Amino acid sequence: MGMFGWTEKSSAVLQQGGVIGPDERLPWPQTAVMGVQHVIAMFGATVLAPILMGFDPNIAILMSGIGTLIFFLATGGKVPSYLGSSFAFIGVVIAATAYAGKGPNANISVALGGIIACGVLYTVIGAIVQAVGTGWIERFMPPVVTGAVVAVIGLNLAGIPIKNMAASNFDSWMQVVTFVSVALVAVMTRGMVQRLLILVGLIVATLIYALLTNGLGLGKPVDLSVIANAAWFGLPAFAAPVFTMNAMLLIGPVAVILVAENLGHIKAVTAMTGKNLDRYMGRAFIGDGVATMVSGAAGGTGVTTYAENIGVMAATKIYSTAVFLVAALIAILLGFSPKFGALIQAIPLPVMGGVSIVVFGLIAVAGARIWVDNKVDFSDNKNLLVAAITLVLGTGDFTLKFGQFELGGIGTATFGAILLYALLNRKPAATGS
């Protein structure tokens, strides 16, 4: 079946609780709506990451769409994934640029050179995997490792909505209202509404927030004037890279983290869909690496396959790659629309925080599912300790410094899991008595 040769499934499949596979799709109107949900799901993190690094969020949105198209083409439309801003770059970009943490990053060009170097290394790894297979990677990153890394990504991000998206007790309660709204939609509804649980839950929570704030004066009201004043079309702030050895040495090794992330994500999608996607692994790495280079060349952040969207797939059971093609095209259009950016920015922060709690939790559970589906034996102390230590390193954001190079929680957890497994795996397995 060709790249665009999806088999159409009727909406009745959803009513019966059925699964839409990667090579299948719903009718185009429902596919388009699902694409919007995936754009919403990736938006919070894809915008937050560039803000934390001093990048232009509109560029990040635009390049997430272009990157997803590159990934789609590289994998022949067979792997359902969305590419968005990677949090793995935040620490090293800040270190390389000495970013103060607020406003535009004055040294963004230096960071872009490092991001492109990372993309080159990532693409080379992908080419090797495409030539010789994933066996050598899987020896270092078996299911116990990849499951832990995927789980850690969700757990490491958990502090963002909890600590940074609720400035008051009212905001915290609105986060509760939001994730309860999503949960009620997920459990109490059926069909297409149930599959749009995140989007519908977000809309319901936003309306409740507006009623309580704009109507009853209980919190910060929703400001719609920013949306009205924003232009419908405008170019984002493109930037050119500058290549320095220090930045490339700092940022380039992030490729190893991206490999582990992508491997874990594809393993998670394989577990959810029941379709073995291993043969596309090298092409997935190449697509992600090329997308990172293209993003860095235009002024965007490094990109990675997005666990947030894997969480949406886990909840909706819709794995159609057609959804991601639509989502990519929507993101490209929105990248040129300041008005859309203003609309998303108008979503109350605690509401976005409540949605993030749901999505990040689904990421963590996707990691656990890798363990379950691969029957990881936790009676084996090797597996038990690798998983236990990795989870705490990532969740606690354990950080190590090597001179100017800083390895944050996701990095220490990723490398820690790989190295600890390699160390403990040297001991021969017990033969029994």
Protein backbone atom coordinates (compact mmCIF):
# COMPACT_ATOMS: atom_id res chain seq x y z
CA MET A 1 0.00 0.00 0.00
CA GLY A 2 1.40 3.41 -0.96
CA MET A 3 2.30 6.34 1.24
CA PHE A 4 -1.16 7.88 0.86
CA GLY A 5 -3.12 4.66 0.44
CA TRP A 6 -5.10 4.57 3.67
CA THR A 7 -8.09 2.23 3.96
CA GLU A 8 -11.11 4.28 5.00
CA LYS A 9 -13.03 3.08 8.06
CA SER A 10 -16.51 4.34 8.91
CA SER A 11 -17.35 6.19 12.10
CA ALA A 12 -19.24 3.07 13.19
CA VAL A 13 -15.86 1.56 14.08
CA LEU A 14 -15.54 4.18 16.82
CA GLN A 15 -19.01 3.45 18.17
CA GLN A 16 -17.98 -0.18 18.56
CA GLY A 17 -14.77 0.76 20.39
CA GLY A 18 -12.61 -0.31 17.45
CA VAL A 19 -9.03 0.64 16.59
CA ILE A 20 -7.93 2.72 13.58
CA GLY A 21 -4.53 1.42 12.45
CA PRO A 22 -1.62 3.40 10.93
CA ASP A 23 -2.63 2.38 7.39
CA GLU A 24 -6.31 3.21 7.97
CA ARG A 25 -8.20 6.46 8.38
CA LEU A 26 -11.59 7.82 9.30
CA PRO A 27 -13.55 9.93 6.77
CA TRP A 28 -11.63 13.14 6.12
CA PRO A 29 -13.85 15.43 8.26
CA GLN A 30 -13.24 13.28 11.36
CA THR A 31 -9.58 12.89 10.42
CA ALA A 32 -9.26 16.68 10.25
CA VAL A 33 -10.82 17.08 13.71
CA MET A 34 -8.42 14.48 15.12
CA GLY A 35 -5.58 16.44 13.51
CA VAL A 36 -6.71 19.55 15.40
CA GLN A 37 -6.64 17.58 18.66
CA HIS A 38 -3.05 16.50 17.99
CA VAL A 39 -2.07 20.11 17.29
CA ILE A 40 -3.62 21.11 20.63
CA ALA A 41 -1.89 18.23 22.41
CA MET A 42 1.57 19.17 21.17
CA PHE A 43 1.04 22.91 21.45
CA GLY A 44 1.72 23.45 25.15
CA ALA A 45 5.11 21.72 25.16
CA THR A 46 6.09 22.81 21.65
CA VAL A 47 5.53 26.45 22.63
CA LEU A 48 6.85 26.14 26.19
CA ALA A 49 10.23 24.71 25.14
CA PRO A 50 11.19 27.63 22.85
CA ILE A 51 9.98 30.16 25.43
CA LEU A 52 12.28 28.58 28.03
CA MET A 53 15.19 28.88 25.56
CA GLY A 54 14.32 32.36 24.23
CA PHE A 55 13.22 31.14 20.78
CA ASP A 56 10.24 32.39 18.76
CA PRO A 57 7.22 30.13 19.48
CA ASN A 58 5.71 30.77 16.04
CA ILE A 59 8.86 29.38 14.43
CA ALA A 60 8.57 26.34 16.69
CA ILE A 61 4.99 25.71 15.57
CA LEU A 62 5.90 26.17 11.89
CA MET A 63 8.92 23.87 12.12
CA SER A 64 6.97 21.24 14.04
CA GLY A 65 4.64 21.02 11.05
CA ILE A 66 7.46 20.97 8.50
CA GLY A 67 9.40 18.47 10.63
CA THR A 68 6.38 16.18 10.87
CA LEU A 69 6.02 16.26 7.07
CA ILE A 70 9.71 15.38 6.70
CA PHE A 71 9.25 12.50 9.15
CA PHE A 72 6.12 11.35 7.29
CA LEU A 73 8.01 11.28 3.97
CA ALA A 74 11.09 9.61 5.46
CA THR A 75 9.03 6.78 6.95
CA GLY A 76 6.81 6.40 3.89
CA GLY A 77 3.76 7.39 5.91
CA LYS A 78 3.97 4.18 7.97
CA VAL A 79 4.88 5.51 11.45
CA PRO A 80 2.28 7.60 13.32
CA SER A 81 4.22 10.32 15.12
CA TYR A 82 4.31 14.08 15.52
CA LEU A 83 7.56 16.05 15.78
CA GLY A 84 7.71 18.95 18.22
CA SER A 85 10.21 20.94 20.29
CA SER A 86 12.39 18.65 22.39
CA PHE A 87 12.89 19.45 26.07
CA ALA A 88 16.21 17.59 25.91
CA PHE A 89 17.77 20.71 24.33
CA ILE A 90 16.78 23.20 27.04
CA GLY A 91 19.67 22.73 29.46
CA VAL A 92 22.44 22.58 26.84
CA VAL A 93 21.04 25.52 24.83
CA ILE A 94 20.90 27.67 27.96
CA ALA A 95 24.46 26.63 28.82
CA ALA A 96 25.76 27.30 25.29
CA THR A 97 24.11 30.72 24.97
CA ALA A 98 24.25 31.94 28.60
CA TYR A 99 20.53 32.76 28.23
CA ALA A 100 19.20 34.81 31.14
CA GLY A 101 15.75 33.19 31.04
CA LYS A 102 13.52 36.02 29.84
CA GLY A 103 12.81 37.55 26.43
CA PRO A 104 14.53 36.74 23.11
CA ASN A 105 17.80 34.81 23.26
CA ALA A 106 20.53 37.17 22.03
CA ASN A 107 22.85 34.25 21.20
CA ILE A 108 20.25 32.14 19.41
CA SER A 109 22.47 31.77 16.31
CA VAL A 110 25.13 29.92 18.31
CA ALA A 111 22.50 27.51 19.63
CA LEU A 112 21.18 26.91 16.12
CA GLY A 113 24.63 25.75 14.97
CA GLY A 114 24.71 23.25 17.80
CA ILE A 115 21.18 22.05 17.00
CA ILE A 116 22.17 21.43 13.37
CA ALA A 117 25.27 19.49 14.55
CA CYS A 118 22.97 17.37 16.70
CA GLY A 119 20.73 16.73 13.69
CA VAL A 120 23.74 15.63 11.61
CA LEU A 121 24.84 13.13 14.28
CA TYR A 122 21.27 11.88 14.66
CA THR A 123 20.95 11.37 10.90
CA VAL A 124 24.25 9.44 10.79
CA ILE A 125 23.00 7.13 13.56
CA GLY A 126 19.80 6.65 11.57
CA ALA A 127 21.76 5.73 8.45
CA ILE A 128 23.73 3.12 10.42
CA VAL A 129 20.51 1.67 11.85
CA GLN A 130 18.98 1.58 8.38
CA ALA A 131 22.03 -0.30 7.08
CA VAL A 132 22.60 -2.82 9.88
CA GLY A 133 19.36 -2.83 11.86
CA THR A 134 18.47 -1.93 15.42
CA GLY A 135 20.05 -4.97 17.09
CA TRP A 136 23.08 -3.07 18.38
CA ILE A 137 20.83 -0.35 19.84
CA GLU A 138 18.42 -2.84 21.37
CA ARG A 139 21.29 -4.63 23.10
CA PHE A 140 21.97 -1.38 24.91
CA MET A 141 18.32 -0.33 25.15
CA PRO A 142 16.06 -3.37 25.76
CA PRO A 143 12.39 -2.93 26.84
CA VAL A 144 13.28 -2.37 30.49
CA VAL A 145 15.42 0.60 29.44
CA THR A 146 13.14 2.06 26.75
CA GLY A 147 10.09 1.69 28.97
CA ALA A 148 11.85 3.52 31.78
CA VAL A 149 13.02 6.31 29.45
CA VAL A 150 9.52 6.85 28.03
CA ALA A 151 8.01 6.84 31.52
CA VAL A 152 10.65 9.27 32.76
CA ILE A 153 9.83 11.76 30.00
CA GLY A 154 6.28 12.04 31.32
CA LEU A 155 7.34 12.05 34.97
CA ASN A 156 10.12 14.58 34.42
CA LEU A 157 7.66 16.97 32.78
CA ALA A 158 5.13 16.52 35.58
CA GLY A 159 6.56 19.40 37.60
CA ILE A 160 5.82 21.90 34.82
CA PRO A 161 2.01 21.98 35.20
CA ILE A 162 2.16 21.39 38.96
CA LYS A 163 4.69 24.10 39.80
CA ASN A 164 4.55 26.58 36.92
CA MET A 165 0.96 26.62 35.72
CA ALA A 166 -0.97 27.34 38.92
CA ALA A 167 -0.15 30.69 40.53
CA SER A 168 -3.00 30.58 43.06
CA ASN A 169 -5.31 28.17 44.88
CA PHE A 170 -8.04 29.05 42.36
CA ASP A 171 -5.71 28.06 39.51
CA SER A 172 -4.96 24.74 41.20
CA TRP A 173 -8.68 24.01 41.50
CA MET A 174 -9.11 24.89 37.83
CA GLN A 175 -6.45 22.31 36.98
CA VAL A 176 -8.56 19.79 38.90
CA VAL A 177 -11.67 20.88 36.99
CA THR A 178 -9.75 20.43 33.73
CA PHE A 179 -8.39 16.95 34.27
CA VAL A 180 -11.70 15.80 35.75
CA SER A 181 -13.46 17.20 32.65
CA VAL A 182 -11.11 15.24 30.39
CA ALA A 183 -11.59 12.09 32.48
CA LEU A 184 -15.39 12.41 32.41
CA VAL A 185 -15.36 12.86 28.63
CA ALA A 186 -13.11 9.79 28.33
CA VAL A 187 -15.35 7.57 30.46
CA MET A 188 -18.89 8.92 30.14
CA THR A 189 -19.08 9.61 26.39
CA ARG A 190 -18.91 7.41 23.32
CA GLY A 191 -17.88 7.63 19.69
CA MET A 192 -16.12 10.66 18.25
CA VAL A 193 -16.65 12.79 21.36
CA GLN A 194 -14.82 10.20 23.44
CA ARG A 195 -11.96 10.11 20.94
CA LEU A 196 -11.68 13.92 21.20
CA LEU A 197 -11.45 13.73 24.98
CA ILE A 198 -8.55 16.17 25.32
CA LEU A 199 -9.95 18.79 22.96
CA VAL A 200 -13.50 18.54 24.34
CA GLY A 201 -12.26 18.53 27.94
CA LEU A 202 -10.15 21.60 27.25
CA ILE A 203 -13.10 23.48 25.73
CA VAL A 204 -15.40 22.55 28.63
CA ALA A 205 -12.81 23.61 31.21
CA THR A 206 -12.13 26.90 29.38
CA LEU A 207 -15.85 27.73 29.35
CA ILE A 208 -16.09 26.96 33.09
CA TYR A 209 -13.02 29.12 33.71
CA ALA A 210 -14.51 32.02 31.72
CA LEU A 211 -17.78 31.72 33.66
CA LEU A 212 -15.99 31.84 37.01
CA THR A 213 -13.56 34.63 36.11
CA ASN A 214 -15.17 36.90 33.52
CA GLY A 215 -18.62 36.23 34.96
CA LEU A 216 -18.10 35.93 38.72
CA GLY A 217 -14.74 37.68 39.16
CA LEU A 218 -13.02 34.78 40.93
CA GLY A 219 -9.71 34.86 39.05
CA LYS A 220 -7.78 36.35 36.18
CA PRO A 221 -10.33 36.89 33.36
CA VAL A 222 -9.85 35.61 29.83
CA ASP A 223 -8.52 38.49 27.68
CA LEU A 224 -9.92 38.29 24.15
CA SER A 225 -8.58 41.68 23.05
CA VAL A 226 -5.19 40.15 22.22
CA ILE A 227 -6.90 37.82 19.73
CA ALA A 228 -8.89 40.67 18.16
CA ASN A 229 -5.76 42.82 17.71
CA ALA A 230 -3.53 40.07 16.25
CA ALA A 231 -2.97 39.85 12.51
CA TRP A 232 -4.32 36.90 10.55
CA PHE A 233 -1.06 36.42 8.67
CA GLY A 234 2.53 37.28 9.51
CA LEU A 235 6.03 35.89 9.11
CA PRO A 236 7.75 34.46 12.19
CA ALA A 237 11.22 35.69 13.17
CA PHE A 238 13.59 33.49 11.15
CA ALA A 239 17.23 33.32 12.29
CA ALA A 240 20.47 32.01 10.76
CA PRO A 241 22.87 29.61 12.52
CA VAL A 242 26.45 30.32 13.56
CA PHE A 243 28.74 27.32 14.08
CA THR A 244 31.06 27.32 17.10
CA MET A 245 32.91 24.27 18.40
CA ASN A 246 31.83 24.82 22.02
CA ALA A 247 28.12 24.94 21.20
CA MET A 248 28.34 21.95 18.86
CA LEU A 249 30.15 19.88 21.52
CA LEU A 250 27.57 20.87 24.11
CA ILE A 251 24.43 20.35 22.04
CA GLY A 252 25.50 17.60 19.61
CA PRO A 253 25.40 14.70 22.14
CA VAL A 254 21.68 15.33 22.70
CA ALA A 255 21.30 13.08 19.64
CA VAL A 256 21.80 10.05 21.89
CA ILE A 257 18.88 11.15 24.07
CA LEU A 258 16.74 11.67 20.96
CA VAL A 259 17.61 8.17 19.76
CA ALA A 260 16.46 6.71 23.07
CA GLU A 261 13.30 8.87 23.02
CA ASN A 262 12.44 7.93 19.45
CA LEU A 263 13.20 4.25 19.99
CA GLY A 264 11.01 4.26 23.09
CA HIS A 265 8.22 6.12 21.31
CA ILE A 266 8.18 3.74 18.36
CA LYS A 267 8.26 0.75 20.72
CA ALA A 268 5.28 2.30 22.52
CA VAL A 269 3.39 2.75 19.25
CA THR A 270 4.28 -0.83 18.28
CA ALA A 271 2.86 -2.05 21.59
CA MET A 272 -0.33 -0.02 21.14
CA THR A 273 -0.97 -0.88 17.49
CA GLY A 274 0.25 -4.47 17.44
CA LYS A 275 2.20 -3.62 14.26
CA ASN A 276 5.98 -4.15 14.33
CA LEU A 277 7.52 -0.85 13.21
CA ASP A 278 11.15 -1.82 13.85
CA ARG A 279 11.98 -1.92 10.13
CA TYR A 280 11.19 1.81 9.94
CA MET A 281 13.42 2.71 12.90
CA GLY A 282 16.40 3.89 10.84
CA ARG A 283 14.17 5.93 8.56
CA ALA A 284 12.48 7.42 11.61
CA PHE A 285 15.84 8.49 13.03
CA ILE A 286 16.86 9.96 9.66
CA GLY A 287 13.56 11.84 9.36
CA ASP A 288 13.91 13.23 12.88
CA GLY A 289 17.56 14.17 12.28
CA VAL A 290 16.85 15.94 8.98
CA ALA A 291 13.88 17.72 10.57
CA THR A 292 16.13 18.93 13.39
CA MET A 293 18.67 20.27 10.89
CA VAL A 294 15.97 22.06 8.87
CA SER A 295 14.47 23.53 12.05
CA GLY A 296 17.85 24.76 13.28
CA ALA A 297 18.62 26.31 9.88
CA ALA A 298 15.43 28.40 10.08
CA GLY A 299 15.74 29.51 13.71
CA GLY A 300 13.72 26.74 15.37
CA THR A 301 14.35 24.32 18.19
CA GLY A 302 15.54 20.74 17.87
CA VAL A 303 12.61 18.38 17.36
CA THR A 304 11.70 14.89 18.43
CA THR A 305 8.83 12.45 18.09
CA TYR A 306 6.27 13.65 20.59
CA ALA A 307 5.17 11.59 23.56
CA GLU A 308 2.25 13.96 24.09
CA ASN A 309 0.74 12.77 20.82
CA ILE A 310 1.49 9.16 21.68
CA GLY A 311 -0.55 9.79 24.82
CA VAL A 312 -3.43 11.02 22.66
CA MET A 313 -3.19 7.89 20.49
CA ALA A 314 -3.21 5.72 23.61
CA ALA A 315 -6.40 7.40 24.77
CA THR A 316 -8.21 7.49 21.41
CA LYS A 317 -6.96 4.24 19.80
CA ILE A 318 -6.65 6.14 16.51
CA TYR A 319 -3.17 5.56 15.06
CA SER A 320 -3.78 6.70 11.49
CA THR A 321 -0.80 8.45 9.93
CA ALA A 322 -3.32 10.51 7.94
CA VAL A 323 -4.15 12.34 11.18
CA PHE A 324 -0.52 13.45 11.52
CA LEU A 325 -0.35 14.59 7.91
CA VAL A 326 -3.37 16.81 8.59
CA ALA A 327 -1.91 18.00 11.91
CA ALA A 328 1.36 18.94 10.16
CA LEU A 329 -0.43 20.98 7.51
CA ILE A 330 -2.50 22.74 10.19
CA ALA A 331 0.65 23.55 12.18
CA ILE A 332 2.34 25.03 9.10
CA LEU A 333 -0.65 27.27 8.43
CA LEU A 334 -0.85 28.28 12.07
CA GLY A 335 2.87 29.04 12.17
CA PHE A 336 2.15 31.94 9.83
CA SER A 337 -0.85 33.14 11.85
CA PRO A 338 -0.21 35.42 14.82
CA LYS A 339 -3.96 35.35 15.47
CA PHE A 340 -3.91 31.63 16.14
CA GLY A 341 -0.93 32.06 18.41
CA ALA A 342 -2.92 34.68 20.30
CA LEU A 343 -5.91 32.31 20.51
CA ILE A 344 -3.84 29.54 22.04
CA GLN A 345 -2.14 32.01 24.36
CA ALA A 346 -5.62 33.06 25.51
CA ILE A 347 -6.32 29.55 26.81
CA PRO A 348 -6.04 30.00 30.59
CA LEU A 349 -2.72 28.71 31.92
CA PRO A 350 -4.32 26.51 34.62
CA VAL A 351 -6.55 24.89 31.99
CA MET A 352 -3.50 24.10 29.84
CA GLY A 353 -1.84 22.85 33.03
CA GLY A 354 -4.72 20.47 33.72
CA VAL A 355 -4.50 19.11 30.18
CA SER A 356 -0.73 18.71 30.60
CA ILE A 357 -1.28 16.64 33.76
CA VAL A 358 -3.41 14.22 31.74
CA VAL A 359 -1.07 14.04 28.76
CA PHE A 360 2.15 13.71 30.77
CA GLY A 361 0.50 10.99 32.84
CA LEU A 362 -0.45 9.11 29.69
CA ILE A 363 3.19 9.31 28.57
CA ALA A 364 4.35 7.72 31.82
CA VAL A 365 1.77 4.94 31.45
CA ALA A 366 2.91 4.36 27.84
CA GLY A 367 6.34 3.58 29.25
CA ALA A 368 4.87 1.14 31.73
CA ARG A 369 2.95 -0.49 28.90
CA ILE A 370 6.25 -1.27 27.16
CA TRP A 371 7.21 -3.27 30.26
CA VAL A 372 3.88 -5.08 30.37
CA ASP A 373 3.70 -5.90 26.67
CA ASN A 374 7.30 -7.15 26.63
CA LYS A 375 6.78 -9.11 29.87
CA VAL A 376 9.74 -7.47 31.61
CA ASP A 377 10.64 -9.64 34.60
CA PHE A 378 10.97 -7.44 37.68
CA SER A 379 11.84 -10.42 39.85
CA ASP A 380 15.22 -10.08 38.12
CA ASN A 381 17.18 -7.58 40.22
CA LYS A 382 18.91 -6.27 37.11
CA ASN A 383 15.62 -5.10 35.61
CA LEU A 384 14.27 -3.96 38.96
CA LEU A 385 17.23 -1.72 39.76
CA VAL A 386 17.56 -0.28 36.25
CA ALA A 387 13.90 0.75 36.26
CA ALA A 388 13.89 1.98 39.86
CA ILE A 389 17.01 4.14 39.59
CA THR A 390 16.05 5.50 36.18
CA LEU A 391 12.60 6.61 37.37
CA VAL A 392 13.99 8.50 40.35
CA LEU A 393 16.83 10.12 38.35
CA GLY A 394 14.39 11.43 35.77
CA THR A 395 11.54 12.36 38.08
CA GLY A 396 13.87 14.11 40.53
CA ASP A 397 15.66 15.89 37.64
CA PHE A 398 19.05 14.59 38.78
CA THR A 399 21.73 16.76 37.13
CA LEU A 400 25.42 16.12 36.45
CA LYS A 401 27.97 18.67 35.22
CA PHE A 402 31.08 17.95 33.19
CA GLY A 403 32.85 21.29 33.00
CA GLN A 404 30.44 23.52 31.10
CA PHE A 405 28.36 20.57 29.90
CA GLU A 406 25.25 19.93 32.00
CA LEU A 407 23.20 16.76 31.78
CA GLY A 408 19.69 17.24 33.18
CA GLY A 409 17.12 14.76 34.45
CA ILE A 410 16.02 13.21 31.15
CA GLY A 411 19.65 12.98 30.04
CA THR A 412 20.97 11.42 33.25
CA ALA A 413 18.05 9.01 33.31
CA THR A 414 18.59 8.03 29.66
CA PHE A 415 22.36 7.55 29.88
CA GLY A 416 22.04 6.13 33.39
CA ALA A 417 19.59 3.47 32.24
CA ILE A 418 21.77 2.49 29.26
CA LEU A 419 25.05 2.37 31.21
CA LEU A 420 23.57 0.72 34.31
CA TYR A 421 21.94 -1.99 32.22
CA ALA A 422 25.21 -2.59 30.34
CA LEU A 423 27.08 -2.85 33.66
CA LEU A 424 24.61 -5.17 35.36
CA ASN A 425 24.10 -7.27 32.23
CA ARG A 426 27.75 -8.38 32.38
CA LYS A 427 26.83 -10.71 35.25
CA PRO A 428 25.76 -14.13 33.90
CA ALA A 429 22.16 -15.04 34.60
CA ALA A 430 21.61 -17.56 37.36
CA THR A 431 21.16 -21.11 36.05
CA GLY A 432 18.96 -22.20 38.93
CA SER A 433 19.40 -25.10 41.31
